[in-house]
Amino acid sequence: MDIAAFQATIAATYGERDADRGTAPTVAWLCEEVGELAQAARKGTPEQQLHELGDVIAWVASLAQQLGLSLDEAAQRYAAGCPVCASMPCDC
């Protein structure tokens, strides 16, 4: 699935509920999921890590939608490699 299609799927599935919740609570949920991903990365199984990674990506997509931003455009910042030194691998 490409990034724009994923964002559209998340918007269609959760968009109205997430918009009603607002950006600040969405950021709080995202932070909670990042914490769960950190714990899974340290002590979890690959299945748990994949689950939490998916949750983080979904919340990022929801937040981007609420902000009226495109994840596809955001990812373009890294399309040529490091956005700071513009090289692959990074020379920073």
N, C-alpha and C. Protein backbone atom coordinates (compact mmCIF):
# COMPACT_ATOMS: atom_id res chain seq x y z
N MET A 1 0.85 -1.18 0.00
CA MET A 1 0.00 0.00 0.00
C MET A 1 0.89 1.23 0.00
N ASP A 2 0.57 2.19 -0.84
CA ASP A 2 1.37 3.41 -0.84
C ASP A 2 0.89 4.36 0.27
N ILE A 3 1.68 5.35 0.54
CA ILE A 3 1.44 6.23 1.68
C ILE A 3 0.12 7.00 1.54
N ALA A 4 -0.14 7.55 0.37
CA ALA A 4 -1.37 8.32 0.18
C ALA A 4 -2.61 7.44 0.34
N ALA A 5 -2.54 6.23 -0.18
CA ALA A 5 -3.67 5.30 -0.04
C ALA A 5 -3.88 4.92 1.41
N PHE A 6 -2.79 4.73 2.14
CA PHE A 6 -2.90 4.40 3.56
C PHE A 6 -3.56 5.56 4.32
N GLN A 7 -3.11 6.78 4.05
CA GLN A 7 -3.69 7.94 4.73
C GLN A 7 -5.18 8.04 4.41
N ALA A 8 -5.55 7.79 3.17
CA ALA A 8 -6.96 7.85 2.79
C ALA A 8 -7.77 6.76 3.50
N THR A 9 -7.21 5.58 3.65
CA THR A 9 -7.90 4.50 4.35
C THR A 9 -8.10 4.84 5.82
N ILE A 10 -7.09 5.38 6.45
CA ILE A 10 -7.21 5.78 7.86
C ILE A 10 -8.26 6.89 7.99
N ALA A 11 -8.25 7.84 7.06
CA ALA A 11 -9.24 8.94 7.10
C ALA A 11 -10.65 8.40 6.94
N ALA A 12 -10.83 7.46 6.02
CA ALA A 12 -12.17 6.90 5.80
C ALA A 12 -12.63 6.07 6.99
N THR A 13 -11.70 5.41 7.65
CA THR A 13 -12.04 4.52 8.76
C THR A 13 -12.25 5.27 10.07
N TYR A 14 -11.36 6.20 10.37
CA TYR A 14 -11.35 6.86 11.68
C TYR A 14 -11.49 8.38 11.62
N GLY A 15 -11.52 8.95 10.43
CA GLY A 15 -11.42 10.40 10.27
C GLY A 15 -12.40 11.23 11.05
N GLU A 16 -13.68 10.87 10.97
CA GLU A 16 -14.69 11.67 11.67
C GLU A 16 -14.49 11.62 13.18
N ARG A 17 -14.28 10.43 13.70
CA ARG A 17 -14.09 10.27 15.15
C ARG A 17 -12.82 10.99 15.61
N ASP A 18 -11.74 10.84 14.83
CA ASP A 18 -10.49 11.49 15.21
C ASP A 18 -10.60 13.01 15.12
N ALA A 19 -11.31 13.52 14.11
CA ALA A 19 -11.49 14.97 13.99
C ALA A 19 -12.30 15.52 15.16
N ASP A 20 -13.32 14.76 15.57
CA ASP A 20 -14.11 15.18 16.73
C ASP A 20 -13.25 15.22 17.99
N ARG A 21 -12.31 14.31 18.08
CA ARG A 21 -11.42 14.24 19.24
C ARG A 21 -10.50 15.45 19.27
N GLY A 22 -9.97 15.84 18.10
CA GLY A 22 -9.08 16.99 17.99
C GLY A 22 -7.62 16.62 17.94
N THR A 23 -6.81 17.59 17.58
CA THR A 23 -5.39 17.31 17.39
C THR A 23 -4.64 17.04 18.69
N ALA A 24 -4.92 17.80 19.73
CA ALA A 24 -4.17 17.59 20.99
C ALA A 24 -4.39 16.18 21.54
N PRO A 25 -5.61 15.69 21.63
CA PRO A 25 -5.78 14.31 22.08
C PRO A 25 -5.17 13.29 21.10
N THR A 26 -5.20 13.60 19.82
CA THR A 26 -4.58 12.69 18.85
C THR A 26 -3.09 12.61 19.08
N VAL A 27 -2.46 13.73 19.34
CA VAL A 27 -1.03 13.73 19.65
C VAL A 27 -0.77 12.92 20.92
N ALA A 28 -1.64 13.04 21.91
CA ALA A 28 -1.48 12.26 23.15
C ALA A 28 -1.57 10.76 22.86
N TRP A 29 -2.55 10.36 22.03
CA TRP A 29 -2.66 8.94 21.66
C TRP A 29 -1.42 8.49 20.90
N LEU A 30 -0.93 9.33 19.99
CA LEU A 30 0.28 9.00 19.24
C LEU A 30 1.46 8.79 20.19
N CYS A 31 1.60 9.66 21.15
CA CYS A 31 2.70 9.53 22.12
C CYS A 31 2.58 8.23 22.91
N GLU A 32 1.36 7.88 23.30
CA GLU A 32 1.15 6.62 24.01
C GLU A 32 1.56 5.44 23.14
N GLU A 33 1.20 5.48 21.87
CA GLU A 33 1.57 4.39 20.97
C GLU A 33 3.07 4.33 20.73
N VAL A 34 3.73 5.48 20.68
CA VAL A 34 5.19 5.50 20.54
C VAL A 34 5.83 4.84 21.77
N GLY A 35 5.28 5.11 22.95
CA GLY A 35 5.77 4.46 24.16
C GLY A 35 5.60 2.95 24.10
N GLU A 36 4.45 2.50 23.60
CA GLU A 36 4.22 1.06 23.47
C GLU A 36 5.17 0.45 22.44
N LEU A 37 5.46 1.20 21.37
CA LEU A 37 6.42 0.71 20.38
C LEU A 37 7.82 0.62 20.99
N ALA A 38 8.20 1.60 21.79
CA ALA A 38 9.51 1.57 22.44
C ALA A 38 9.63 0.34 23.34
N GLN A 39 8.59 0.06 24.09
CA GLN A 39 8.61 -1.12 24.96
C GLN A 39 8.69 -2.40 24.13
N ALA A 40 7.93 -2.48 23.06
CA ALA A 40 7.97 -3.67 22.20
C ALA A 40 9.33 -3.81 21.53
N ALA A 41 9.94 -2.70 21.16
CA ALA A 41 11.26 -2.76 20.53
C ALA A 41 12.31 -3.31 21.50
N ARG A 42 12.15 -2.99 22.77
CA ARG A 42 13.10 -3.47 23.78
C ARG A 42 12.84 -4.90 24.20
N LYS A 43 11.56 -5.25 24.40
CA LYS A 43 11.26 -6.53 25.04
C LYS A 43 10.25 -7.39 24.29
N GLY A 44 9.71 -6.89 23.20
CA GLY A 44 8.63 -7.60 22.53
C GLY A 44 9.09 -8.57 21.46
N THR A 45 8.14 -9.33 21.00
CA THR A 45 8.37 -10.24 19.89
C THR A 45 8.28 -9.45 18.58
N PRO A 46 8.77 -10.02 17.50
CA PRO A 46 8.60 -9.33 16.22
C PRO A 46 7.13 -9.05 15.89
N GLU A 47 6.23 -9.93 16.28
CA GLU A 47 4.81 -9.71 16.04
C GLU A 47 4.30 -8.51 16.84
N GLN A 48 4.71 -8.39 18.09
CA GLN A 48 4.32 -7.24 18.92
C GLN A 48 4.91 -5.96 18.37
N GLN A 49 6.14 -6.01 17.93
CA GLN A 49 6.80 -4.84 17.36
C GLN A 49 6.07 -4.37 16.10
N LEU A 50 5.70 -5.31 15.24
CA LEU A 50 4.99 -4.99 14.01
C LEU A 50 3.62 -4.38 14.33
N HIS A 51 2.93 -4.95 15.32
CA HIS A 51 1.63 -4.43 15.74
C HIS A 51 1.75 -2.98 16.19
N GLU A 52 2.70 -2.70 17.07
CA GLU A 52 2.86 -1.34 17.60
C GLU A 52 3.34 -0.38 16.53
N LEU A 53 4.18 -0.84 15.62
CA LEU A 53 4.63 0.01 14.53
C LEU A 53 3.44 0.42 13.66
N GLY A 54 2.55 -0.52 13.40
CA GLY A 54 1.34 -0.22 12.64
C GLY A 54 0.47 0.79 13.35
N ASP A 55 0.34 0.65 14.69
CA ASP A 55 -0.45 1.62 15.45
C ASP A 55 0.13 3.02 15.35
N VAL A 56 1.45 3.13 15.45
CA VAL A 56 2.10 4.45 15.36
C VAL A 56 1.86 5.06 13.97
N ILE A 57 2.03 4.26 12.94
CA ILE A 57 1.83 4.77 11.58
C ILE A 57 0.38 5.23 11.40
N ALA A 58 -0.56 4.48 11.94
CA ALA A 58 -1.97 4.86 11.81
C ALA A 58 -2.25 6.19 12.51
N TRP A 59 -1.70 6.38 13.70
CA TRP A 59 -1.93 7.64 14.41
C TRP A 59 -1.24 8.81 13.72
N VAL A 60 -0.06 8.58 13.13
CA VAL A 60 0.61 9.63 12.36
C VAL A 60 -0.26 10.01 11.16
N ALA A 61 -0.83 9.02 10.49
CA ALA A 61 -1.70 9.29 9.35
C ALA A 61 -2.94 10.08 9.79
N SER A 62 -3.51 9.73 10.92
CA SER A 62 -4.67 10.45 11.43
C SER A 62 -4.31 11.90 11.74
N LEU A 63 -3.18 12.10 12.37
CA LEU A 63 -2.76 13.46 12.71
C LEU A 63 -2.51 14.28 11.43
N ALA A 64 -1.85 13.68 10.47
CA ALA A 64 -1.59 14.39 9.21
C ALA A 64 -2.91 14.80 8.56
N GLN A 65 -3.88 13.91 8.58
CA GLN A 65 -5.19 14.22 8.00
C GLN A 65 -5.85 15.39 8.73
N GLN A 66 -5.80 15.38 10.04
CA GLN A 66 -6.39 16.47 10.83
C GLN A 66 -5.71 17.80 10.56
N LEU A 67 -4.41 17.75 10.29
CA LEU A 67 -3.65 18.97 10.01
C LEU A 67 -3.78 19.42 8.56
N GLY A 68 -4.44 18.58 7.75
CA GLY A 68 -4.59 18.91 6.33
C GLY A 68 -3.30 18.74 5.55
N LEU A 69 -2.46 17.83 6.01
CA LEU A 69 -1.16 17.61 5.38
C LEU A 69 -1.10 16.23 4.74
N SER A 70 -0.22 16.08 3.79
CA SER A 70 -0.03 14.84 3.07
C SER A 70 1.20 14.10 3.59
N LEU A 71 1.01 12.86 4.04
CA LEU A 71 2.15 12.04 4.44
C LEU A 71 3.07 11.78 3.26
N ASP A 72 2.48 11.66 2.07
CA ASP A 72 3.27 11.45 0.87
C ASP A 72 4.23 12.62 0.66
N GLU A 73 3.72 13.83 0.82
CA GLU A 73 4.58 15.02 0.68
C GLU A 73 5.62 15.07 1.79
N ALA A 74 5.24 14.70 3.00
CA ALA A 74 6.19 14.70 4.11
C ALA A 74 7.32 13.71 3.85
N ALA A 75 6.99 12.54 3.31
CA ALA A 75 8.00 11.52 3.03
C ALA A 75 8.95 11.97 1.93
N GLN A 76 8.48 12.83 1.02
CA GLN A 76 9.33 13.31 -0.06
C GLN A 76 10.57 14.04 0.46
N ARG A 77 10.48 14.55 1.66
CA ARG A 77 11.64 15.23 2.25
C ARG A 77 12.85 14.31 2.33
N TYR A 78 12.59 13.00 2.43
CA TYR A 78 13.66 12.03 2.56
C TYR A 78 13.92 11.24 1.27
N ALA A 79 13.26 11.59 0.19
CA ALA A 79 13.34 10.82 -1.05
C ALA A 79 14.75 10.75 -1.63
N ALA A 80 15.55 11.77 -1.42
CA ALA A 80 16.90 11.79 -1.97
C ALA A 80 17.95 11.39 -0.94
N GLY A 81 17.49 10.92 0.22
CA GLY A 81 18.42 10.57 1.29
C GLY A 81 18.27 11.55 2.45
N CYS A 82 19.34 11.83 3.11
CA CYS A 82 19.32 12.73 4.26
C CYS A 82 18.91 14.13 3.83
N PRO A 83 17.86 14.69 4.46
CA PRO A 83 17.43 16.03 4.06
C PRO A 83 18.40 17.14 4.48
N VAL A 84 19.35 16.82 5.35
CA VAL A 84 20.31 17.81 5.82
C VAL A 84 21.49 17.88 4.87
N CYS A 85 22.09 16.73 4.57
CA CYS A 85 23.28 16.74 3.71
C CYS A 85 22.98 16.24 2.30
N ALA A 86 21.74 15.81 2.04
CA ALA A 86 21.30 15.36 0.71
C ALA A 86 22.15 14.23 0.15
N SER A 87 22.49 13.29 1.01
CA SER A 87 23.26 12.16 0.50
C SER A 87 22.74 10.86 1.09
N MET A 88 23.06 9.77 0.39
CA MET A 88 22.75 8.40 0.83
C MET A 88 24.05 7.62 0.74
N PRO A 89 24.55 7.03 1.76
CA PRO A 89 24.14 7.19 3.15
C PRO A 89 24.49 8.58 3.68
N CYS A 90 23.94 8.88 4.82
CA CYS A 90 24.11 10.20 5.42
C CYS A 90 25.57 10.47 5.76
N ASP A 91 26.03 11.67 5.42
CA ASP A 91 27.38 12.10 5.74
C ASP A 91 27.43 13.09 6.90
N CYS A 92 26.30 13.30 7.56
CA CYS A 92 26.25 14.26 8.67
C CYS A 92 27.12 13.81 9.83
